[in-house]
């Protein structure tokens, strides 16, 4: 019975997806951004962000053809449709190393190919299920294999709803003021220690986002 209810709920959500995407677009257009970071000047870079900031930053980066990743499961399908409706390119899979059943290897290869073509990639470094504010090694591995620099990115709003979900999901209120905070780029060479670089990315993201826990 629970599975049936979930299927029905999922189909209802998909039915209303065009309206949901339109509402998200309108929300994004209403936000008054303090600083306008020029994504278009970047070529083949990796934007590293917290999972809870994903939608908030998607509102800022609409219609720029940025590549990102969504899971292969139900929640990933919903995220994929919204992101595509916002002008993102979506790869299905997971950045979790060693989890082939989640499409990790295939997804990583697709992102590598995009980076080598000069496309920009955004990765939620503590996703898809946490723990929150703990960077996983996938983003460092991707940077090391492609030579792409990692740019830590966070977002701040004057008024927003912070949900009590594991990732402290951030949903800005319409017409609020927003600010995108960009950290210094992080480079990963072939001989660098993955764990050390993972910690460096985590410290940078915690610093610009004000995360202390």
Protein backbone atom coordinates (compact mmCIF):
# COMPACT_ATOMS: atom_id res chain seq x y z
CA UNK A 1 0.00 0.00 0.00
CA UNK A 2 2.82 2.42 0.87
CA UNK A 3 4.50 1.75 -2.47
CA UNK A 4 1.26 2.38 -4.31
CA UNK A 5 0.75 5.69 -2.50
CA UNK A 6 4.31 6.73 -3.35
CA UNK A 7 3.75 5.91 -7.02
CA UNK A 8 0.54 7.91 -7.12
CA UNK A 9 2.20 10.86 -5.37
CA UNK A 10 5.11 10.71 -7.81
CA UNK A 11 2.81 10.69 -10.84
CA UNK A 12 0.83 13.64 -9.46
CA UNK A 13 4.05 15.61 -8.95
CA UNK A 14 5.16 14.86 -12.52
CA UNK A 15 1.77 15.96 -13.80
CA UNK A 16 2.21 19.38 -12.19
CA UNK A 17 5.92 19.64 -12.97
CA UNK A 18 5.52 22.32 -15.71
CA UNK A 19 3.69 24.55 -13.22
CA UNK A 20 6.24 23.83 -10.49
CA UNK A 21 9.11 24.71 -12.82
CA UNK A 22 7.38 27.92 -13.87
CA UNK A 23 6.87 28.89 -10.22
CA UNK A 24 10.56 28.25 -9.50
CA UNK A 25 11.55 30.37 -12.50
CA UNK A 26 9.36 33.24 -11.33
CA UNK A 27 10.86 32.96 -7.85
CA UNK A 28 14.35 33.20 -9.34
CA UNK A 29 13.47 36.27 -11.39
CA UNK A 30 12.08 38.02 -8.32
CA UNK A 31 15.26 37.83 -6.25
CA UNK A 32 17.36 41.00 -6.08
CA UNK A 33 20.96 39.84 -6.24
CA UNK A 34 23.60 42.07 -4.67
CA UNK A 35 26.43 40.75 -6.82
CA UNK A 36 26.22 39.27 -10.30
CA UNK A 37 28.89 36.62 -10.71
CA UNK A 38 29.64 36.10 -14.39
CA UNK A 39 29.38 32.35 -14.96
CA UNK A 40 29.87 32.89 -18.68
CA UNK A 41 33.52 33.87 -18.22
CA UNK A 42 34.36 30.45 -16.78
CA UNK A 43 35.41 27.55 -18.97
CA UNK A 44 35.60 24.00 -17.67
CA UNK A 45 35.41 24.71 -13.94
CA UNK A 46 33.76 22.85 -11.07
CA UNK A 47 31.43 24.78 -8.76
CA UNK A 48 31.39 23.10 -5.33
CA UNK A 49 28.34 23.79 -3.16
CA UNK A 50 26.38 22.35 -0.27
CA UNK A 51 23.35 20.20 -1.06
CA UNK A 52 21.11 22.56 0.89
CA UNK A 53 22.12 25.46 -1.36
CA UNK A 54 21.39 23.62 -4.61
CA UNK A 55 18.05 25.21 -5.49
CA UNK A 56 19.06 28.63 -4.21
CA UNK A 57 22.11 28.69 -6.47
CA UNK A 58 20.18 27.17 -9.37
CA UNK A 59 17.97 30.27 -9.27
CA UNK A 60 21.10 32.38 -9.79
CA UNK A 61 22.64 30.19 -12.51
CA UNK A 62 19.59 29.65 -14.72
CA UNK A 63 19.94 29.25 -18.50
CA UNK A 64 23.73 29.02 -18.62
CA UNK A 65 24.01 25.38 -19.65
CA UNK A 66 25.83 24.37 -16.47
CA UNK A 67 26.16 20.60 -16.04
CA UNK A 68 25.09 18.97 -12.81
CA UNK A 69 24.22 15.53 -11.46
CA UNK A 70 21.00 14.02 -10.11
CA UNK A 71 20.37 10.56 -8.71
CA UNK A 72 18.87 7.80 -10.81
CA UNK A 73 15.95 7.32 -8.44
CA UNK A 74 12.57 9.00 -7.86
CA UNK A 75 13.81 12.16 -6.16
CA UNK A 76 16.43 12.48 -8.87
CA UNK A 77 13.79 12.39 -11.58
CA UNK A 78 11.96 15.30 -9.99
CA UNK A 79 15.20 17.26 -9.57
CA UNK A 80 16.17 16.50 -13.18
CA UNK A 81 12.95 17.89 -14.59
CA UNK A 82 13.20 21.07 -12.54
CA UNK A 83 16.87 21.61 -13.39
CA UNK A 84 16.32 21.03 -17.10
CA UNK A 85 13.43 23.47 -16.95
CA UNK A 86 15.86 26.00 -15.48
CA UNK A 87 18.32 25.55 -18.33
CA UNK A 88 20.79 23.09 -16.77
CA UNK A 89 22.29 19.99 -18.37
CA UNK A 90 21.70 17.00 -16.10
CA UNK A 91 23.73 13.80 -15.78
CA UNK A 92 22.08 10.93 -13.93
CA UNK A 93 24.17 9.07 -11.40
CA UNK A 94 26.19 9.61 -8.23
CA UNK A 95 29.63 10.98 -7.38
CA UNK A 96 30.01 8.32 -4.67
CA UNK A 97 33.05 6.26 -5.55
CA UNK A 98 32.65 2.50 -5.63
CA UNK A 99 28.86 2.54 -5.97
CA UNK A 100 28.40 1.30 -9.49
CA UNK A 101 24.71 0.51 -8.89
CA UNK A 102 24.14 4.24 -8.49
CA UNK A 103 25.70 4.99 -11.85
CA UNK A 104 28.75 6.58 -10.26
CA UNK A 105 31.29 5.63 -12.90
CA UNK A 106 29.08 6.52 -15.84
CA UNK A 107 28.07 9.82 -14.29
CA UNK A 108 31.68 10.74 -13.52
CA UNK A 109 32.76 9.96 -17.09
CA UNK A 110 30.01 12.19 -18.50
CA UNK A 111 31.05 15.07 -16.24
CA UNK A 112 34.70 14.58 -17.24
CA UNK A 113 33.73 14.77 -20.89
CA UNK A 114 31.76 17.96 -20.27
CA UNK A 115 34.67 19.59 -18.44
CA UNK A 116 37.12 18.70 -21.19
CA UNK A 117 34.79 20.40 -23.67
CA UNK A 118 34.97 23.58 -21.60
CA UNK A 119 31.56 23.17 -19.97
CA UNK A 120 31.09 24.18 -16.34
CA UNK A 121 29.94 21.64 -13.75
CA UNK A 122 28.16 22.17 -10.42
CA UNK A 123 28.41 19.47 -7.73
CA UNK A 124 26.67 19.22 -4.35
CA UNK A 125 29.68 17.96 -2.45
CA UNK A 126 27.85 16.61 0.61
CA UNK A 127 25.06 14.92 -1.38
CA UNK A 128 23.05 13.03 -2.11
CA UNK A 129 22.28 11.98 1.47
CA UNK A 130 24.94 13.54 3.66
CA UNK A 131 26.26 13.84 6.21
CA UNK A 132 25.64 17.55 5.84
CA UNK A 133 28.61 19.89 5.36
CA UNK A 134 31.05 17.02 4.90
CA UNK A 135 32.70 17.14 1.48
CA UNK A 136 33.00 13.80 -0.28
CA UNK A 137 36.01 12.85 -2.35
CA UNK A 138 34.19 12.73 -5.70
CA UNK A 139 34.68 16.43 -6.46
CA UNK A 140 38.43 16.20 -5.80
CA UNK A 141 38.74 13.06 -7.92
CA UNK A 142 36.94 14.82 -10.78
CA UNK A 143 39.23 17.84 -10.55
CA UNK A 144 42.35 15.68 -10.42
CA UNK A 145 41.37 13.67 -13.48
CA UNK A 146 40.46 16.69 -15.61
CA UNK A 147 42.71 19.48 -14.35
CA UNK A 148 39.63 21.63 -13.70
CA UNK A 149 39.79 24.09 -10.84
CA UNK A 150 37.27 23.87 -8.00
CA UNK A 151 35.40 27.07 -7.14
CA UNK A 152 33.65 27.00 -3.72
CA UNK A 153 30.24 28.69 -3.92
CA UNK A 154 27.69 29.58 -1.25
CA UNK A 155 24.57 31.73 -1.11
CA UNK A 156 23.01 34.03 1.44
CA UNK A 157 19.55 35.65 1.56
CA UNK A 158 18.01 38.36 3.70
CA UNK A 159 14.85 36.28 4.03
CA UNK A 160 14.65 32.55 3.46
CA UNK A 161 13.10 29.40 4.86
CA UNK A 162 15.70 27.00 6.24
CA UNK A 163 14.11 23.56 6.47
CA UNK A 164 14.88 21.04 9.20
CA UNK A 165 15.98 18.47 6.60
CA UNK A 166 19.38 16.79 6.87
CA UNK A 167 20.92 19.33 4.46
CA UNK A 168 19.18 22.42 5.95
CA UNK A 169 17.58 23.08 2.59
CA UNK A 170 17.37 26.80 1.79
CA UNK A 171 14.34 28.28 0.02
CA UNK A 172 14.46 32.05 -0.48
CA UNK A 173 11.33 34.14 -0.16
CA UNK A 174 10.14 36.03 -3.25
CA UNK A 175 11.66 39.49 -3.78
CA UNK A 176 14.29 39.02 -1.09
CA UNK A 177 17.88 40.18 -1.53
CA UNK A 178 20.43 37.49 -2.29
CA UNK A 179 24.19 37.28 -2.47
CA UNK A 180 26.45 34.65 -4.03
CA UNK A 181 29.76 34.20 -2.21
CA UNK A 182 32.69 32.86 -4.22
CA UNK A 183 35.77 31.34 -2.59
CA UNK A 184 39.30 31.23 -3.94
CA UNK A 185 39.82 28.57 -6.62
CA UNK A 186 41.33 25.27 -5.53
CA UNK A 187 43.64 23.35 -7.84
CA UNK A 188 44.26 19.61 -7.67
CA UNK A 189 47.34 18.20 -9.36
CA UNK A 190 48.01 14.56 -10.17
CA UNK A 191 50.31 14.06 -7.20
CA UNK A 192 48.12 15.75 -4.58
CA UNK A 193 46.69 13.78 -1.67
CA UNK A 194 42.94 13.36 -2.18
CA UNK A 195 42.08 13.56 1.52
CA UNK A 196 44.10 16.74 2.03
CA UNK A 197 42.39 18.42 -0.90
CA UNK A 198 38.99 17.17 0.28
CA UNK A 199 39.63 18.86 3.63
CA UNK A 200 40.75 22.05 1.86
CA UNK A 201 37.50 22.22 -0.13
CA UNK A 202 35.49 21.58 3.03
CA UNK A 203 37.25 24.30 4.99
CA UNK A 204 36.76 26.78 2.15
CA UNK A 205 33.06 26.03 1.85
CA UNK A 206 32.49 26.17 5.59
CA UNK A 207 34.26 29.52 5.73
CA UNK A 208 32.27 31.26 2.99
CA UNK A 209 28.95 29.75 4.10
CA UNK A 210 29.45 30.40 7.82
CA UNK A 211 29.02 26.74 8.79
CA UNK A 212 30.59 25.95 12.15
CA UNK A 213 29.13 22.52 12.90
